[in-house]
Each structure stands twice: as C-alpha cells, then as structure tokens.
Amino acid sequence: MKKIIGVVACPAGIAHTYMAAEMLEKVGKKLGYAVKIETNGASGVENRLTKKDIEEADVVIVAADTAVEMERFRGKPMIEASVGDAIKKAEKIFARIQNGELKIYG
C-alpha cells in the first residue's frame, strides 16, 4: 500500500483547510492508499507530519494557498495544488499520482 502524506493550508485557515484535508483523505483511502494530512489552519498546525511519516511516504501532496514549510520534503515525489483543487478535484490529484505525474522536490 502506498503511503501518501500531505499538507493543506489556506490564508484564512478555517473551513477550506479542513474540507480539503477531509477530501484528500477520503479519496485516497477509497483508492487504497494510507493517507495522513497535516492542516495549517487558524488553530495552528494539526496532525503534524513526523520525520518518520515523511521518510516512509511514497508521495507528498501540498495543497496550499499560503506558504508552508517545504524543505522537509526535499527529495520526495510531490504534487502541488491549490486548496480549491483539493476540495473539488481530489480525484484528479490522485489520478496524477497514479499516472506518475510527480516532480521531485528540491
């Protein structure tokens, strides 16, 4: 089972951050992936990715409309998207993963 991790963050950090995280988790699990999503919202960072999470991840999804800590993902296959795409087009994000449309961060 592939392990997918991600970070979701929007400027307001209220509803859209959590909606995007929920959608990525839902679609990923439906497709058979192990998924863990960190949220950077109004309450701060929740469900923080650990060093172990990052090391074990096959793919990183960053769905952010604001700056997030990226250096920790150096060398990992990654997809970047907007928060809106994570909410409305999560299936397309996972299709890109399945098709190997990834870039290596850094």
PDB file of N, CA and C in Angstrom:
ATOM      1  N   MET A   1       0.851  -1.188   0.000  1.00  0.00           N
ATOM      2  CA  MET A   1       0.000   0.000   0.000  1.00  0.00           C
ATOM      3  C   MET A   1       0.886   1.237   0.000  1.00  0.00           C
ATOM      4  N   LYS A   2       0.644   2.119  -0.954  1.00  0.00           N
ATOM      5  CA  LYS A   2       1.393   3.370  -0.992  1.00  0.00           C
ATOM      6  C   LYS A   2       0.956   4.280   0.141  1.00  0.00           C
ATOM      7  N   LYS A   3       1.936   4.983   0.680  1.00  0.00           N
ATOM      8  CA  LYS A   3       1.644   5.941   1.736  1.00  0.00           C
ATOM      9  C   LYS A   3       1.722   7.347   1.160  1.00  0.00           C
ATOM     10  N   ILE A   4       0.629   8.079   1.320  1.00  0.00           N
ATOM     11  CA  ILE A   4       0.531   9.453   0.843  1.00  0.00           C
ATOM     12  C   ILE A   4       0.448  10.370   2.062  1.00  0.00           C
ATOM     13  N   ILE A   5       1.282  11.393   2.069  1.00  0.00           N
ATOM     14  CA  ILE A   5       1.175  12.406   3.113  1.00  0.00           C
ATOM     15  C   ILE A   5       0.903  13.738   2.428  1.00  0.00           C
ATOM     16  N   GLY A   6       0.424  14.689   3.207  1.00  0.00           N
ATOM     17  CA  GLY A   6       0.168  15.986   2.613  1.00  0.00           C
ATOM     18  C   GLY A   6       0.062  17.088   3.632  1.00  0.00           C
ATOM     19  N   VAL A   7       0.088  18.297   3.100  1.00  0.00           N
ATOM     20  CA  VAL A   7      -0.105  19.498   3.902  1.00  0.00           C
ATOM     21  C   VAL A   7      -1.160  20.337   3.195  1.00  0.00           C
ATOM     22  N   VAL A   8      -2.116  20.807   3.947  1.00  0.00           N
ATOM     23  CA  VAL A   8      -3.160  21.675   3.418  1.00  0.00           C
ATOM     24  C   VAL A   8      -3.140  22.973   4.225  1.00  0.00           C
ATOM     25  N   ALA A   9      -3.172  24.103   3.509  1.00  0.00           N
ATOM     26  CA  ALA A   9      -3.156  25.401   4.185  1.00  0.00           C
ATOM     27  C   ALA A   9      -3.794  26.458   3.302  1.00  0.00           C
ATOM     28  N   CYS A  10      -4.678  27.257   3.892  1.00  0.00           N
ATOM     29  CA  CYS A  10      -5.228  28.404   3.168  1.00  0.00           C
ATOM     30  C   CYS A  10      -5.042  29.631   4.060  1.00  0.00           C
ATOM     31  N   PRO A  11      -5.098  30.827   3.475  1.00  0.00           N
ATOM     32  CA  PRO A  11      -4.832  32.040   4.248  1.00  0.00           C
ATOM     33  C   PRO A  11      -5.719  32.209   5.483  1.00  0.00           C
ATOM     34  N   ALA A  12      -7.005  31.922   5.348  1.00  0.00           N
ATOM     35  CA  ALA A  12      -7.899  32.079   6.498  1.00  0.00           C
ATOM     36  C   ALA A  12      -7.750  30.921   7.468  1.00  0.00           C
ATOM     37  N   GLY A  13      -7.497  29.725   6.924  1.00  0.00           N
ATOM     38  CA  GLY A  13      -7.253  28.561   7.773  1.00  0.00           C
ATOM     39  C   GLY A  13      -8.465  28.097   8.539  1.00  0.00           C
ATOM     40  N   ILE A  14      -9.625  28.304   7.983  1.00  0.00           N
ATOM     41  CA  ILE A  14     -10.830  27.872   8.688  1.00  0.00           C
ATOM     42  C   ILE A  14     -11.430  26.711   7.911  1.00  0.00           C
ATOM     43  N   ALA A  15     -12.547  26.889   7.281  1.00  0.00           N
ATOM     44  CA  ALA A  15     -13.295  25.790   6.670  1.00  0.00           C
ATOM     45  C   ALA A  15     -12.559  25.106   5.521  1.00  0.00           C
ATOM     46  N   HIS A  16     -12.017  25.877   4.585  1.00  0.00           N
ATOM     47  CA  HIS A  16     -11.443  25.269   3.388  1.00  0.00           C
ATOM     48  C   HIS A  16     -10.258  24.360   3.691  1.00  0.00           C
ATOM     49  N   THR A  17      -9.439  24.723   4.656  1.00  0.00           N
ATOM     50  CA  THR A  17      -8.306  23.882   5.032  1.00  0.00           C
ATOM     51  C   THR A  17      -8.789  22.493   5.426  1.00  0.00           C
ATOM     52  N   TYR A  18      -9.789  22.453   6.269  1.00  0.00           N
ATOM     53  CA  TYR A  18     -10.273  21.167   6.785  1.00  0.00           C
ATOM     54  C   TYR A  18     -11.090  20.403   5.748  1.00  0.00           C
ATOM     55  N   MET A  19     -11.815  21.118   4.907  1.00  0.00           N
ATOM     56  CA  MET A  19     -12.559  20.463   3.814  1.00  0.00           C
ATOM     57  C   MET A  19     -11.590  19.797   2.840  1.00  0.00           C
ATOM     58  N   ALA A  20     -10.495  20.479   2.516  1.00  0.00           N
ATOM     59  CA  ALA A  20      -9.508  19.928   1.588  1.00  0.00           C
ATOM     60  C   ALA A  20      -8.827  18.701   2.191  1.00  0.00           C
ATOM     61  N   ALA A  21      -8.457  18.778   3.452  1.00  0.00           N
ATOM     62  CA  ALA A  21      -7.820  17.632   4.110  1.00  0.00           C
ATOM     63  C   ALA A  21      -8.763  16.435   4.118  1.00  0.00           C
ATOM     64  N   GLU A  22     -10.011  16.683   4.465  1.00  0.00           N
ATOM     65  CA  GLU A  22     -11.002  15.606   4.521  1.00  0.00           C
ATOM     66  C   GLU A  22     -11.193  14.959   3.148  1.00  0.00           C
ATOM     67  N   MET A  23     -11.249  15.760   2.109  1.00  0.00           N
ATOM     68  CA  MET A  23     -11.460  15.227   0.767  1.00  0.00           C
ATOM     69  C   MET A  23     -10.255  14.405   0.306  1.00  0.00           C
ATOM     70  N   LEU A  24      -9.041  14.888   0.550  1.00  0.00           N
ATOM     71  CA  LEU A  24      -7.848  14.133   0.162  1.00  0.00           C
ATOM     72  C   LEU A  24      -7.788  12.795   0.903  1.00  0.00           C
ATOM     73  N   GLU A  25      -8.115  12.816   2.195  1.00  0.00           N
ATOM     74  CA  GLU A  25      -8.121  11.570   2.968  1.00  0.00           C
ATOM     75  C   GLU A  25      -9.179  10.608   2.446  1.00  0.00           C
ATOM     76  N   LYS A  26     -10.359  11.117   2.184  1.00  0.00           N
ATOM     77  CA  LYS A  26     -11.467  10.286   1.724  1.00  0.00           C
ATOM     78  C   LYS A  26     -11.164   9.625   0.379  1.00  0.00           C
ATOM     79  N   VAL A  27     -10.726  10.419  -0.584  1.00  0.00           N
ATOM     80  CA  VAL A  27     -10.435   9.885  -1.918  1.00  0.00           C
ATOM     81  C   VAL A  27      -9.235   8.940  -1.871  1.00  0.00           C
ATOM     82  N   GLY A  28      -8.199   9.326  -1.154  1.00  0.00           N
ATOM     83  CA  GLY A  28      -7.012   8.475  -1.049  1.00  0.00           C
ATOM     84  C   GLY A  28      -7.319   7.120  -0.444  1.00  0.00           C
ATOM     85  N   LYS A  29      -8.066   7.104   0.632  1.00  0.00           N
ATOM     86  CA  LYS A  29      -8.414   5.839   1.282  1.00  0.00           C
ATOM     87  C   LYS A  29      -9.314   4.997   0.380  1.00  0.00           C
ATOM     88  N   LYS A  30     -10.223   5.642  -0.355  1.00  0.00           N
ATOM     89  CA  LYS A  30     -11.101   4.927  -1.278  1.00  0.00           C
ATOM     90  C   LYS A  30     -10.278   4.213  -2.352  1.00  0.00           C
ATOM     91  N   LEU A  31      -9.156   4.813  -2.743  1.00  0.00           N
ATOM     92  CA  LEU A  31      -8.282   4.237  -3.762  1.00  0.00           C
ATOM     93  C   LEU A  31      -7.253   3.264  -3.190  1.00  0.00           C
ATOM     94  N   GLY A  32      -7.287   3.052  -1.878  1.00  0.00           N
ATOM     95  CA  GLY A  32      -6.408   2.070  -1.260  1.00  0.00           C
ATOM     96  C   GLY A  32      -5.082   2.590  -0.733  1.00  0.00           C
ATOM     97  N   TYR A  33      -4.949   3.890  -0.590  1.00  0.00           N
ATOM     98  CA  TYR A  33      -3.729   4.476  -0.048  1.00  0.00           C
ATOM     99  C   TYR A  33      -3.846   4.675   1.462  1.00  0.00           C
ATOM    100  N   ALA A  34      -2.718   4.618   2.150  1.00  0.00           N
ATOM    101  CA  ALA A  34      -2.645   5.079   3.534  1.00  0.00           C
ATOM    102  C   ALA A  34      -2.404   6.586   3.424  1.00  0.00           C
ATOM    103  N   VAL A  35      -3.216   7.394   4.098  1.00  0.00           N
ATOM    104  CA  VAL A  35      -3.153   8.847   3.927  1.00  0.00           C
ATOM    105  C   VAL A  35      -3.073   9.544   5.286  1.00  0.00           C
ATOM    106  N   LYS A  36      -2.167  10.506   5.375  1.00  0.00           N
ATOM    107  CA  LYS A  36      -2.093  11.381   6.551  1.00  0.00           C
ATOM    108  C   LYS A  36      -1.904  12.800   6.044  1.00  0.00           C
ATOM    109  N   ILE A  37      -2.796  13.691   6.471  1.00  0.00           N
ATOM    110  CA  ILE A  37      -2.757  15.085   6.025  1.00  0.00           C
ATOM    111  C   ILE A  37      -2.575  16.014   7.222  1.00  0.00           C
ATOM    112  N   GLU A  38      -1.569  16.868   7.134  1.00  0.00           N
ATOM    113  CA  GLU A  38      -1.325  17.911   8.128  1.00  0.00           C
ATOM    114  C   GLU A  38      -2.122  19.140   7.711  1.00  0.00           C
ATOM    115  N   THR A  39      -2.786  19.779   8.672  1.00  0.00           N
ATOM    116  CA  THR A  39      -3.502  21.021   8.374  1.00  0.00           C
ATOM    117  C   THR A  39      -2.796  22.193   9.043  1.00  0.00           C
ATOM    118  N   ASN A  40      -2.664  23.271   8.287  1.00  0.00           N
ATOM    119  CA  ASN A  40      -2.136  24.526   8.815  1.00  0.00           C
ATOM    120  C   ASN A  40      -3.287  25.509   8.772  1.00  0.00           C
ATOM    121  N   GLY A  41      -4.033  25.574   9.870  1.00  0.00           N
ATOM    122  CA  GLY A  41      -5.235  26.388   9.912  1.00  0.00           C
ATOM    123  C   GLY A  41      -5.184  27.466  10.964  1.00  0.00           C
ATOM    124  N   ALA A  42      -6.333  28.029  11.243  1.00  0.00           N
ATOM    125  CA  ALA A  42      -6.448  29.108  12.216  1.00  0.00           C
ATOM    126  C   ALA A  42      -6.016  28.651  13.611  1.00  0.00           C
ATOM    127  N   SER A  43      -6.150  27.361  13.879  1.00  0.00           N
ATOM    128  CA  SER A  43      -5.762  26.807  15.180  1.00  0.00           C
ATOM    129  C   SER A  43      -4.300  26.410  15.228  1.00  0.00           C
ATOM    130  N   GLY A  44      -3.559  26.713  14.176  1.00  0.00           N
ATOM    131  CA  GLY A  44      -2.159  26.319  14.107  1.00  0.00           C
ATOM    132  C   GLY A  44      -2.022  25.010  13.341  1.00  0.00           C
ATOM    133  N   VAL A  45      -0.905  24.326  13.534  1.00  0.00           N
ATOM    134  CA  VAL A  45      -0.645  23.071  12.839  1.00  0.00           C
ATOM    135  C   VAL A  45      -1.294  21.940  13.615  1.00  0.00           C
ATOM    136  N   GLU A  46      -2.098  21.148  12.897  1.00  0.00           N
ATOM    137  CA  GLU A  46      -2.723  19.976  13.493  1.00  0.00           C
ATOM    138  C   GLU A  46      -2.342  18.753  12.684  1.00  0.00           C
ATOM    139  N   ASN A  47      -2.256  17.609  13.357  1.00  0.00           N
ATOM    140  CA  ASN A  47      -1.909  16.340  12.714  1.00  0.00           C
ATOM    141  C   ASN A  47      -0.531  16.455  12.048  1.00  0.00           C
ATOM    142  N   ARG A  48       0.402  17.084  12.758  1.00  0.00           N
ATOM    143  CA  ARG A  48       1.739  17.381  12.221  1.00  0.00           C
ATOM    144  C   ARG A  48       2.418  16.115  11.693  1.00  0.00           C
ATOM    145  N   LEU A  49       3.013  16.246  10.509  1.00  0.00           N
ATOM    146  CA  LEU A  49       3.767  15.144   9.932  1.00  0.00           C
ATOM    147  C   LEU A  49       5.074  14.968  10.692  1.00  0.00           C
ATOM    148  N   THR A  50       5.385  13.742  11.060  1.00  0.00           N
ATOM    149  CA  THR A  50       6.631  13.458  11.758  1.00  0.00           C
ATOM    150  C   THR A  50       7.733  13.161  10.752  1.00  0.00           C
ATOM    151  N   LYS A  51       8.952  13.144  11.236  1.00  0.00           N
ATOM    152  CA  LYS A  51      10.080  12.789  10.384  1.00  0.00           C
ATOM    153  C   LYS A  51       9.864  11.388   9.798  1.00  0.00           C
ATOM    154  N   LYS A  52       9.334  10.478  10.617  1.00  0.00           N
ATOM    155  CA  LYS A  52       9.056   9.112  10.172  1.00  0.00           C
ATOM    156  C   LYS A  52       7.979   9.098   9.085  1.00  0.00           C
ATOM    157  N   ASP A  53       6.911   9.890   9.265  1.00  0.00           N
ATOM    158  CA  ASP A  53       5.861   9.985   8.237  1.00  0.00           C
ATOM    159  C   ASP A  53       6.473  10.385   6.897  1.00  0.00           C
ATOM    160  N   ILE A  54       7.340  11.378   6.932  1.00  0.00           N
ATOM    161  CA  ILE A  54       7.950  11.901   5.707  1.00  0.00           C
ATOM    162  C   ILE A  54       8.882  10.867   5.087  1.00  0.00           C
ATOM    163  N   GLU A  55       9.698  10.221   5.902  1.00  0.00           N
ATOM    164  CA  GLU A  55      10.618   9.203   5.389  1.00  0.00           C
ATOM    165  C   GLU A  55       9.870   8.052   4.717  1.00  0.00           C
ATOM    166  N   GLU A  56       8.748   7.627   5.304  1.00  0.00           N
ATOM    167  CA  GLU A  56       8.007   6.472   4.801  1.00  0.00           C
ATOM    168  C   GLU A  56       7.078   6.802   3.635  1.00  0.00           C
ATOM    169  N   ALA A  57       6.860   8.078   3.371  1.00  0.00           N
ATOM    170  CA  ALA A  57       5.900   8.487   2.336  1.00  0.00           C
ATOM    171  C   ALA A  57       6.404   8.183   0.938  1.00  0.00           C
ATOM    172  N   ASP A  58       5.481   7.703   0.109  1.00  0.00           N
ATOM    173  CA  ASP A  58       5.777   7.491  -1.300  1.00  0.00           C
ATOM    174  C   ASP A  58       5.563   8.779  -2.093  1.00  0.00           C
ATOM    175  N   VAL A  59       4.576   9.578  -1.670  1.00  0.00           N
ATOM    176  CA  VAL A  59       4.228  10.817  -2.375  1.00  0.00           C
ATOM    177  C   VAL A  59       3.781  11.856  -1.358  1.00  0.00           C
ATOM    178  N   VAL A  60       4.099  13.119  -1.640  1.00  0.00           N
ATOM    179  CA  VAL A  60       3.664  14.252  -0.829  1.00  0.00           C
ATOM    180  C   VAL A  60       2.722  15.111  -1.671  1.00  0.00           C
ATOM    181  N   ILE A  61       1.573  15.462  -1.083  1.00  0.00           N
ATOM    182  CA  ILE A  61       0.658  16.415  -1.711  1.00  0.00           C
ATOM    183  C   ILE A  61       0.712  17.703  -0.899  1.00  0.00           C
ATOM    184  N   VAL A  62       0.991  18.806  -1.558  1.00  0.00           N
ATOM    185  CA  VAL A  62       0.931  20.104  -0.893  1.00  0.00           C
ATOM    186  C   VAL A  62      -0.187  20.883  -1.571  1.00  0.00           C
ATOM    187  N   ALA A  63      -1.283  21.054  -0.850  1.00  0.00           N
ATOM    188  CA  ALA A  63      -2.429  21.823  -1.340  1.00  0.00           C
ATOM    189  C   ALA A  63      -2.493  23.081  -0.483  1.00  0.00           C
ATOM    190  N   ALA A  64      -1.882  24.132  -0.976  1.00  0.00           N
ATOM    191  CA  ALA A  64      -1.733  25.328  -0.154  1.00  0.00           C
ATOM    192  C   ALA A  64      -1.874  26.590  -0.981  1.00  0.00           C
ATOM    193  N   ASP A  65      -2.541  27.563  -0.397  1.00  0.00           N
ATOM    194  CA  ASP A  65      -2.664  28.888  -0.994  1.00  0.00           C
ATOM    195  C   ASP A  65      -1.887  29.906  -0.167  1.00  0.00           C
ATOM    196  N   THR A  66      -1.029  29.388   0.686  1.00  0.00           N
ATOM    197  CA  THR A  66      -0.166  30.204   1.523  1.00  0.00           C
ATOM    198  C   THR A  66       1.126  29.416   1.749  1.00  0.00           C
ATOM    199  N   ALA A  67       2.142  30.050   2.300  1.00  0.00           N
ATOM    200  CA  ALA A  67       3.433  29.388   2.481  1.00  0.00           C
ATOM    201  C   ALA A  67       3.356  28.268   3.518  1.00  0.00           C
ATOM    202  N   VAL A  68       4.012  27.155   3.201  1.00  0.00           N
ATOM    203  CA  VAL A  68       4.156  26.053   4.156  1.00  0.00           C
ATOM    204  C   VAL A  68       5.625  25.658   4.210  1.00  0.00           C
ATOM    205  N   GLU A  69       6.001  24.970   5.252  1.00  0.00           N
ATOM    206  CA  GLU A  69       7.377  24.522   5.443  1.00  0.00           C
ATOM    207  C   GLU A  69       7.682  23.402   4.444  1.00  0.00           C
ATOM    208  N   MET A  70       8.467  23.690   3.413  1.00  0.00           N
ATOM    209  CA  MET A  70       8.696  22.754   2.314  1.00  0.00           C
ATOM    210  C   MET A  70      10.018  21.997   2.401  1.00  0.00           C
ATOM    211  N   GLU A  71      11.015  22.569   3.001  1.00  0.00           N
ATOM    212  CA  GLU A  71      12.350  21.975   2.983  1.00  0.00           C
ATOM    213  C   GLU A  71      12.356  20.534   3.512  1.00  0.00           C
ATOM    214  N   ARG A  72      11.462  20.223   4.413  1.00  0.00           N
ATOM    215  CA  ARG A  72      11.400  18.873   4.994  1.00  0.00           C
ATOM    216  C   ARG A  72      11.040  17.816   3.954  1.00  0.00           C
ATOM    217  N   PHE A  73      10.554  18.236   2.785  1.00  0.00           N
ATOM    218  CA  PHE A  73      10.161  17.297   1.728  1.00  0.00           C
ATOM    219  C   PHE A  73      11.224  17.128   0.641  1.00  0.00           C
ATOM    220  N   ARG A  74      12.406  17.685   0.853  1.00  0.00           N
ATOM    221  CA  ARG A  74      13.472  17.621  -0.149  1.00  0.00           C
ATOM    222  C   ARG A  74      13.715  16.166  -0.554  1.00  0.00           C
ATOM    223  N   GLY A  75      13.715  15.944  -1.887  1.00  0.00           N
ATOM    224  CA  GLY A  75      13.982  14.614  -2.424  1.00  0.00           C
ATOM    225  C   GLY A  75      12.761  13.713  -2.555  1.00  0.00           C
ATOM    226  N   LYS A  76      11.592  14.181  -2.112  1.00  0.00           N
ATOM    227  CA  LYS A  76      10.373  13.361  -2.166  1.00  0.00           C
ATOM    228  C   LYS A  76       9.566  13.669  -3.430  1.00  0.00           C
ATOM    229  N   PRO A  77       8.925  12.648  -4.006  1.00  0.00           N
ATOM    230  CA  PRO A  77       7.999  12.893  -5.112  1.00  0.00           C
ATOM    231  C   PRO A  77       6.819  13.724  -4.610  1.00  0.00           C
ATOM    232  N   MET A  78       6.423  14.736  -5.377  1.00  0.00           N
ATOM    233  CA  MET A  78       5.438  15.694  -4.881  1.00  0.00           C
ATOM    234  C   MET A  78       4.480  16.155  -5.968  1.00  0.00           C
ATOM    235  N   ILE A  79       3.289  16.505  -5.511  1.00  0.00           N
ATOM    236  CA  ILE A  79       2.297  17.200  -6.330  1.00  0.00           C
ATOM    237  C   ILE A  79       1.886  18.443  -5.560  1.00  0.00           C
ATOM    238  N   GLU A  80       1.868  19.578  -6.237  1.00  0.00           N
ATOM    239  CA  GLU A  80       1.379  20.808  -5.631  1.00  0.00           C
ATOM    240  C   GLU A  80       0.055  21.179  -6.275  1.00  0.00           C
ATOM    241  N   ALA A  81      -0.871  21.658  -5.451  1.00  0.00           N
ATOM    242  CA  ALA A  81      -2.197  22.038  -5.930  1.00  0.00           C
ATOM    243  C   ALA A  81      -2.732  23.145  -5.040  1.00  0.00           C
ATOM    244  N   SER A  82      -3.827  23.735  -5.470  1.00  0.00           N
ATOM    245  CA  SER A  82      -4.494  24.737  -4.637  1.00  0.00           C
ATOM    246  C   SER A  82      -5.428  24.023  -3.658  1.00  0.00           C
ATOM    247  N   VAL A  83      -5.836  24.732  -2.647  1.00  0.00           N
ATOM    248  CA  VAL A  83      -6.811  24.192  -1.700  1.00  0.00           C
ATOM    249  C   VAL A  83      -8.116  23.902  -2.430  1.00  0.00           C
ATOM    250  N   GLY A  84      -8.516  24.783  -3.326  1.00  0.00           N
ATOM    251  CA  GLY A  84      -9.742  24.581  -4.096  1.00  0.00           C
ATOM    252  C   GLY A  84      -9.696  23.306  -4.919  1.00  0.00           C
ATOM    253  N   ASP A  85      -8.541  23.022  -5.534  1.00  0.00           N
ATOM    254  CA  ASP A  85      -8.414  21.781  -6.297  1.00  0.00           C
ATOM    255  C   ASP A  85      -8.495  20.562  -5.385  1.00  0.00           C
ATOM    256  N   ALA A  86      -7.944  20.657  -4.189  1.00  0.00           N
ATOM    257  CA  ALA A  86      -8.024  19.537  -3.255  1.00  0.00           C
ATOM    258  C   ALA A  86      -9.463  19.257  -2.855  1.00  0.00           C
ATOM    259  N   ILE A  87     -10.271  20.295  -2.783  1.00  0.00           N
ATOM    260  CA  ILE A  87     -11.685  20.115  -2.426  1.00  0.00           C
ATOM    261  C   ILE A  87     -12.484  19.611  -3.619  1.00  0.00           C
ATOM    262  N   LYS A  88     -12.313  20.253  -4.768  1.00  0.00           N
ATOM    263  CA  LYS A  88     -13.171  19.976  -5.922  1.00  0.00           C
ATOM    264  C   LYS A  88     -12.612  18.946  -6.901  1.00  0.00           C
ATOM    265  N   LYS A  89     -11.293  18.745  -6.881  1.00  0.00           N
ATOM    266  CA  LYS A  89     -10.661  17.886  -7.884  1.00  0.00           C
ATOM    267  C   LYS A  89      -9.692  16.879  -7.269  1.00  0.00           C
ATOM    268  N   ALA A  90     -10.018  16.377  -6.083  1.00  0.00           N
ATOM    269  CA  ALA A  90      -9.124  15.429  -5.402  1.00  0.00           C
ATOM    270  C   ALA A  90      -8.878  14.194  -6.259  1.00  0.00           C
ATOM    271  N   GLU A  91      -9.906  13.730  -6.979  1.00  0.00           N
ATOM    272  CA  GLU A  91      -9.741  12.559  -7.836  1.00  0.00           C
ATOM    273  C   GLU A  91      -8.675  12.811  -8.895  1.00  0.00           C
ATOM    274  N   LYS A  92      -8.637  14.020  -9.430  1.00  0.00           N
ATOM    275  CA  LYS A  92      -7.636  14.362 -10.446  1.00  0.00           C
ATOM    276  C   LYS A  92      -6.227  14.388  -9.845  1.00  0.00           C
ATOM    277  N   ILE A  93      -6.121  14.835  -8.613  1.00  0.00           N
ATOM    278  CA  ILE A  93      -4.814  14.834  -7.946  1.00  0.00           C
ATOM    279  C   ILE A  93      -4.314  13.398  -7.815  1.00  0.00           C
ATOM    280  N   PHE A  94      -5.189  12.495  -7.389  1.00  0.00           N
ATOM    281  CA  PHE A  94      -4.776  11.094  -7.244  1.00  0.00           C
ATOM    282  C   PHE A  94      -4.552  10.431  -8.603  1.00  0.00           C
ATOM    283  N   ALA A  95      -5.256  10.855  -9.638  1.00  0.00           N
ATOM    284  CA  ALA A  95      -5.001  10.338 -10.987  1.00  0.00           C
ATOM    285  C   ALA A  95      -3.593  10.730 -11.429  1.00  0.00           C
ATOM    286  N   ARG A  96      -3.185  11.941 -11.088  1.00  0.00           N
ATOM    287  CA  ARG A  96      -1.824  12.388 -11.415  1.00  0.00           C
ATOM    288  C   ARG A  96      -0.796  11.525 -10.702  1.00  0.00           C
ATOM    289  N   ILE A  97      -1.087  11.141  -9.455  1.00  0.00           N
ATOM    290  CA  ILE A  97      -0.176  10.256  -8.714  1.00  0.00           C
ATOM    291  C   ILE A  97      -0.100   8.912  -9.425  1.00  0.00           C
ATOM    292  N   GLN A  98      -1.251   8.351  -9.759  1.00  0.00           N
ATOM    293  CA  GLN A  98      -1.288   7.048 -10.416  1.00  0.00           C
ATOM    294  C   GLN A  98      -0.603   7.069 -11.785  1.00  0.00           C
ATOM    295  N   ASN A  99      -0.647   8.210 -12.460  1.00  0.00           N
ATOM    296  CA  ASN A  99      -0.011   8.353 -13.771  1.00  0.00           C
ATOM    297  C   ASN A  99       1.468   8.742 -13.681  1.00  0.00           C
ATOM    298  N   GLY A 100       1.975   8.907 -12.462  1.00  0.00           N
ATOM    299  CA  GLY A 100       3.377   9.256 -12.276  1.00  0.00           C
ATOM    300  C   GLY A 100       3.725  10.688 -12.614  1.00  0.00           C
ATOM    301  N   GLU A 101       2.714  11.568 -12.580  1.00  0.00           N
ATOM    302  CA  GLU A 101       2.945  12.987 -12.894  1.00  0.00           C
ATOM    303  C   GLU A 101       3.436  13.714 -11.642  1.00  0.00           C
ATOM    304  N   LEU A 102       4.627  13.363 -11.217  1.00  0.00           N
ATOM    305  CA  LEU A 102       5.200  13.891  -9.983  1.00  0.00           C
ATOM    306  C   LEU A 102       6.501  14.625 -10.278  1.00  0.00           C
ATOM    307  N   LYS A 103       6.831  15.554  -9.426  1.00  0.00           N
ATOM    308  CA  LYS A 103       8.142  16.163  -9.503  1.00  0.00           C
ATOM    309  C   LYS A 103       8.863  15.863  -8.187  1.00  0.00           C
ATOM    310  N   ILE A 104      10.158  15.815  -8.240  1.00  0.00           N
ATOM    311  CA  ILE A 104      10.940  15.600  -7.025  1.00  0.00           C
ATOM    312  C   ILE A 104      11.238  16.964  -6.424  1.00  0.00           C
ATOM    313  N   TYR A 105      10.870  17.144  -5.164  1.00  0.00           N
ATOM    314  CA  TYR A 105      11.075  18.462  -4.549  1.00  0.00           C
ATOM    315  C   TYR A 105      12.571  18.696  -4.332  1.00  0.00           C
ATOM    316  N   GLY A 106      13.033  19.880  -4.701  1.00  0.00           N
ATOM    317  CA  GLY A 106      14.388  20.309  -4.426  1.00  0.00           C
ATOM    318  C   GLY A 106      15.355  19.861  -5.483  1.00  0.00           C
TER     319      GLY A 106
END
